[in-house]
Amino acid sequence: MKNTMKNLAIVALIAFTALSFTKIANEKKEIKTDKSKVVWKGYKVTGSHEGTIDIKSGFLSFNEGKLVGGEVVIDMTTLGSTDLQGEYKGKLDGHLKSDDFFGVETHPTSKLVFTKVTASGKNAYSVTGDLTIKGKTHPITFMMSIYGNKATASLKIDRTKYDVRYGSTSFFDGLKDKAIYDEFDLVSDLEF
């Protein structure tokens, strides 16, 4: 009986010591979609267009206060321009949602899954992730800054990797002033 109690005490002490030195599990913080914003900007030879797109869901993962992962799902059905009004806005928004661009009816969401996060400063991180648009996935690297419960990130995306070819001089000759540049920008302000 004495040996049994002694063995139980030793096992309890070992378990307590092991748990004391175990790393704290990642803390997953949900992105507040109603307080977060994603702005896009696309460029063409004769100017540019910009607009917004909503986040459907997402989270950032932290370990001991440091960013270690995350995932963001974008609701492609909310894609819309903010620099036009009326008929012109309707035409551009419809064209962006068509198969010429993002094929929203077939691909209603896009997704970014963080695969590697490296601290590059006090509140700055270099993030590599797998970006999926129109069912095609490619790696992308971008910078993210975090201050309290807010994060900002800017991404430059080559649309041609995701089969968004309309108006691209990489695929079509003779476009002249109708050409649309292959890269577009996304700027996100997240709250979690």
Protein backbone atom coordinates (compact mmCIF):
# COMPACT_ATOMS: atom_id res chain seq x y z
CA MET A 1 0.00 0.00 0.00
CA LYS A 2 2.84 2.36 0.91
CA ASN A 3 4.63 1.57 -2.37
CA THR A 4 1.44 2.08 -4.35
CA MET A 5 0.92 5.55 -2.82
CA LYS A 6 4.58 6.39 -3.41
CA ASN A 7 4.33 5.28 -7.06
CA LEU A 8 1.15 7.31 -7.59
CA ALA A 9 2.83 10.39 -6.09
CA ILE A 10 5.84 9.96 -8.40
CA VAL A 11 3.61 9.51 -11.46
CA ALA A 12 1.61 12.63 -10.49
CA LEU A 13 4.84 14.63 -9.98
CA ILE A 14 6.23 13.52 -13.36
CA ALA A 15 2.93 14.35 -15.13
CA PHE A 16 2.75 17.77 -13.45
CA THR A 17 6.37 18.55 -14.38
CA ALA A 18 5.89 17.40 -17.99
CA LEU A 19 2.74 19.51 -18.41
CA SER A 20 4.47 22.55 -16.87
CA PHE A 21 7.06 22.56 -19.64
CA THR A 22 4.71 21.72 -22.51
CA LYS A 23 4.19 24.57 -24.95
CA ILE A 24 0.86 26.31 -24.81
CA ALA A 25 -1.33 25.27 -27.72
CA ASN A 26 -1.96 27.75 -30.49
CA GLU A 27 -4.64 30.31 -29.74
CA LYS A 28 -7.07 30.68 -32.64
CA LYS A 29 -8.64 34.13 -33.00
CA GLU A 30 -11.62 34.45 -35.33
CA ILE A 31 -11.60 37.36 -37.77
CA LYS A 32 -14.52 39.73 -37.18
CA THR A 33 -15.88 39.80 -40.71
CA ASP A 34 -18.19 42.77 -40.04
CA LYS A 35 -15.26 44.92 -38.85
CA SER A 36 -12.67 43.81 -41.41
CA LYS A 37 -12.16 45.15 -44.92
CA VAL A 38 -10.46 44.01 -48.12
CA VAL A 39 -9.85 46.55 -50.91
CA TRP A 40 -8.74 45.49 -54.41
CA LYS A 41 -7.14 47.59 -57.13
CA GLY A 42 -6.68 46.49 -60.74
CA TYR A 43 -4.64 48.33 -63.35
CA LYS A 44 -5.02 48.83 -67.08
CA VAL A 45 -3.10 50.86 -69.65
CA THR A 46 -5.63 53.70 -69.47
CA GLY A 47 -6.02 53.81 -65.65
CA SER A 48 -7.30 51.61 -62.84
CA HIS A 49 -10.37 50.42 -60.97
CA GLU A 50 -10.82 49.65 -57.31
CA GLY A 51 -13.40 48.14 -55.05
CA THR A 52 -14.06 45.91 -52.08
CA ILE A 53 -14.71 42.27 -51.38
CA ASP A 54 -15.98 40.70 -48.16
CA ILE A 55 -14.37 38.11 -45.93
CA LYS A 56 -16.67 35.13 -45.42
CA SER A 57 -14.70 33.61 -42.53
CA GLY A 58 -11.21 33.30 -41.17
CA PHE A 59 -8.88 33.14 -38.21
CA LEU A 60 -5.34 33.95 -37.15
CA SER A 61 -3.37 31.56 -34.93
CA PHE A 62 -0.99 32.79 -32.25
CA ASN A 63 1.49 31.05 -29.97
CA GLU A 64 2.68 33.06 -26.99
CA GLY A 65 1.46 36.24 -28.68
CA LYS A 66 3.29 35.57 -31.96
CA LEU A 67 1.51 34.94 -35.26
CA VAL A 68 2.00 31.32 -36.36
CA GLY A 69 -0.80 30.65 -38.86
CA GLY A 70 -4.13 31.59 -40.28
CA GLU A 71 -6.77 31.11 -42.91
CA VAL A 72 -9.07 33.52 -44.75
CA VAL A 73 -12.05 32.65 -46.95
CA ILE A 74 -13.23 35.39 -49.33
CA ASP A 75 -16.85 35.67 -50.50
CA MET A 76 -16.36 36.25 -54.24
CA THR A 77 -20.07 37.04 -54.70
CA THR A 78 -19.48 40.39 -52.93
CA LEU A 79 -16.86 41.53 -55.45
CA GLY A 80 -17.71 45.07 -56.46
CA SER A 81 -16.18 48.32 -57.68
CA THR A 82 -16.25 51.52 -55.62
CA ASP A 83 -14.87 53.96 -58.22
CA LEU A 84 -17.90 53.79 -60.56
CA GLN A 85 -21.63 54.37 -60.18
CA GLY A 86 -24.83 53.43 -61.93
CA GLU A 87 -24.75 51.58 -65.23
CA TYR A 88 -20.94 51.55 -65.49
CA LYS A 89 -20.59 50.05 -62.01
CA GLY A 90 -23.14 47.36 -62.88
CA LYS A 91 -21.32 46.47 -66.09
CA LEU A 92 -17.88 46.26 -64.46
CA ASP A 93 -19.12 44.30 -61.44
CA GLY A 94 -20.96 41.85 -63.70
CA HIS A 95 -17.93 41.42 -65.94
CA LEU A 96 -15.59 40.80 -62.97
CA LYS A 97 -17.96 38.10 -61.69
CA SER A 98 -18.26 36.46 -65.15
CA ASP A 99 -16.13 33.62 -66.48
CA ASP A 100 -13.92 36.22 -68.26
CA PHE A 101 -12.55 37.05 -64.82
CA PHE A 102 -13.41 35.23 -61.56
CA GLY A 103 -16.27 32.89 -62.56
CA VAL A 104 -18.13 33.60 -59.32
CA GLU A 105 -21.10 31.37 -60.13
CA THR A 106 -18.80 28.32 -60.30
CA HIS A 107 -16.24 29.56 -57.74
CA PRO A 108 -18.13 31.55 -55.06
CA THR A 109 -15.18 31.57 -52.63
CA SER A 110 -11.42 32.00 -52.69
CA LYS A 111 -9.13 30.92 -49.89
CA LEU A 112 -5.74 31.76 -48.38
CA VAL A 113 -4.14 29.23 -46.01
CA PHE A 114 -0.95 30.28 -44.21
CA THR A 115 1.81 27.68 -44.60
CA LYS A 116 4.80 29.51 -43.10
CA VAL A 117 5.07 32.57 -40.83
CA THR A 118 8.39 34.21 -39.97
CA ALA A 119 8.78 37.21 -37.67
CA SER A 120 10.56 40.03 -39.50
CA GLY A 121 10.27 42.73 -36.85
CA LYS A 122 8.49 43.61 -33.61
CA ASN A 123 4.99 43.51 -35.09
CA ALA A 124 5.82 42.41 -38.64
CA TYR A 125 5.71 38.98 -40.25
CA SER A 126 6.61 37.48 -43.59
CA VAL A 127 3.76 35.12 -44.46
CA THR A 128 3.74 32.44 -47.14
CA GLY A 129 0.44 30.83 -47.95
CA ASP A 130 -1.47 28.80 -50.50
CA LEU A 131 -3.90 31.06 -52.37
CA THR A 132 -6.80 29.40 -54.19
CA ILE A 133 -8.74 31.34 -56.83
CA LYS A 134 -11.03 29.66 -59.39
CA GLY A 135 -10.00 26.25 -58.04
CA LYS A 136 -6.29 26.85 -58.75
CA THR A 137 -3.80 27.01 -55.87
CA HIS A 138 -0.40 28.72 -55.90
CA PRO A 139 1.96 29.90 -53.15
CA ILE A 140 2.16 33.60 -52.36
CA THR A 141 4.36 35.56 -49.94
CA PHE A 142 3.39 38.88 -48.35
CA MET A 143 4.03 41.06 -45.30
CA MET A 144 1.59 41.31 -42.40
CA SER A 145 1.66 43.74 -39.48
CA ILE A 146 -0.19 43.13 -36.22
CA TYR A 147 -1.05 45.72 -33.58
CA GLY A 148 -3.24 44.57 -30.70
CA ASN A 149 -6.36 42.99 -32.19
CA LYS A 150 -5.80 44.40 -35.70
CA ALA A 151 -3.75 43.22 -38.66
CA THR A 152 -2.92 44.71 -42.05
CA ALA A 153 -1.53 43.00 -45.13
CA SER A 154 -0.88 43.91 -48.76
CA LEU A 155 -0.76 41.27 -51.49
CA LYS A 156 0.22 41.58 -55.13
CA ILE A 157 -1.44 38.79 -57.12
CA ASP A 158 -0.68 37.62 -60.65
CA ARG A 159 -4.17 36.84 -61.92
CA THR A 160 -2.92 34.79 -64.88
CA LYS A 161 -1.78 32.02 -62.49
CA TYR A 162 -5.44 31.54 -61.62
CA ASP A 163 -6.75 31.41 -65.18
CA VAL A 164 -7.95 35.03 -65.15
CA ARG A 165 -6.70 35.91 -68.64
CA TYR A 166 -9.12 38.52 -69.98
CA GLY A 167 -7.23 41.50 -71.45
CA SER A 168 -3.82 40.07 -70.55
CA THR A 169 -0.94 40.82 -72.93
CA SER A 170 0.59 37.57 -71.69
CA PHE A 171 -2.07 35.72 -73.71
CA PHE A 172 -3.45 38.12 -76.29
CA ASP A 173 -1.68 40.28 -78.91
CA GLY A 174 -2.81 43.64 -80.24
CA LEU A 175 -4.73 44.80 -77.15
CA LYS A 176 -3.06 48.24 -77.15
CA ASP A 177 -5.00 50.56 -74.81
CA LYS A 178 -7.45 47.74 -73.94
CA ALA A 179 -4.73 45.81 -72.06
CA ILE A 180 -5.24 45.00 -68.39
CA TYR A 181 -2.11 44.38 -66.34
CA ASP A 182 -1.63 40.87 -64.95
CA GLU A 183 -1.07 41.92 -61.34
CA PHE A 184 -3.68 43.37 -59.01
CA ASP A 185 -3.40 44.48 -55.39
CA LEU A 186 -5.33 43.44 -52.29
CA VAL A 187 -5.06 45.47 -49.08
CA SER A 188 -6.69 43.98 -46.01
CA ASP A 189 -7.47 45.52 -42.64
CA LEU A 190 -8.48 42.76 -40.25
CA GLU A 191 -9.91 42.87 -36.76
CA PHE A 192 -10.00 39.78 -34.54
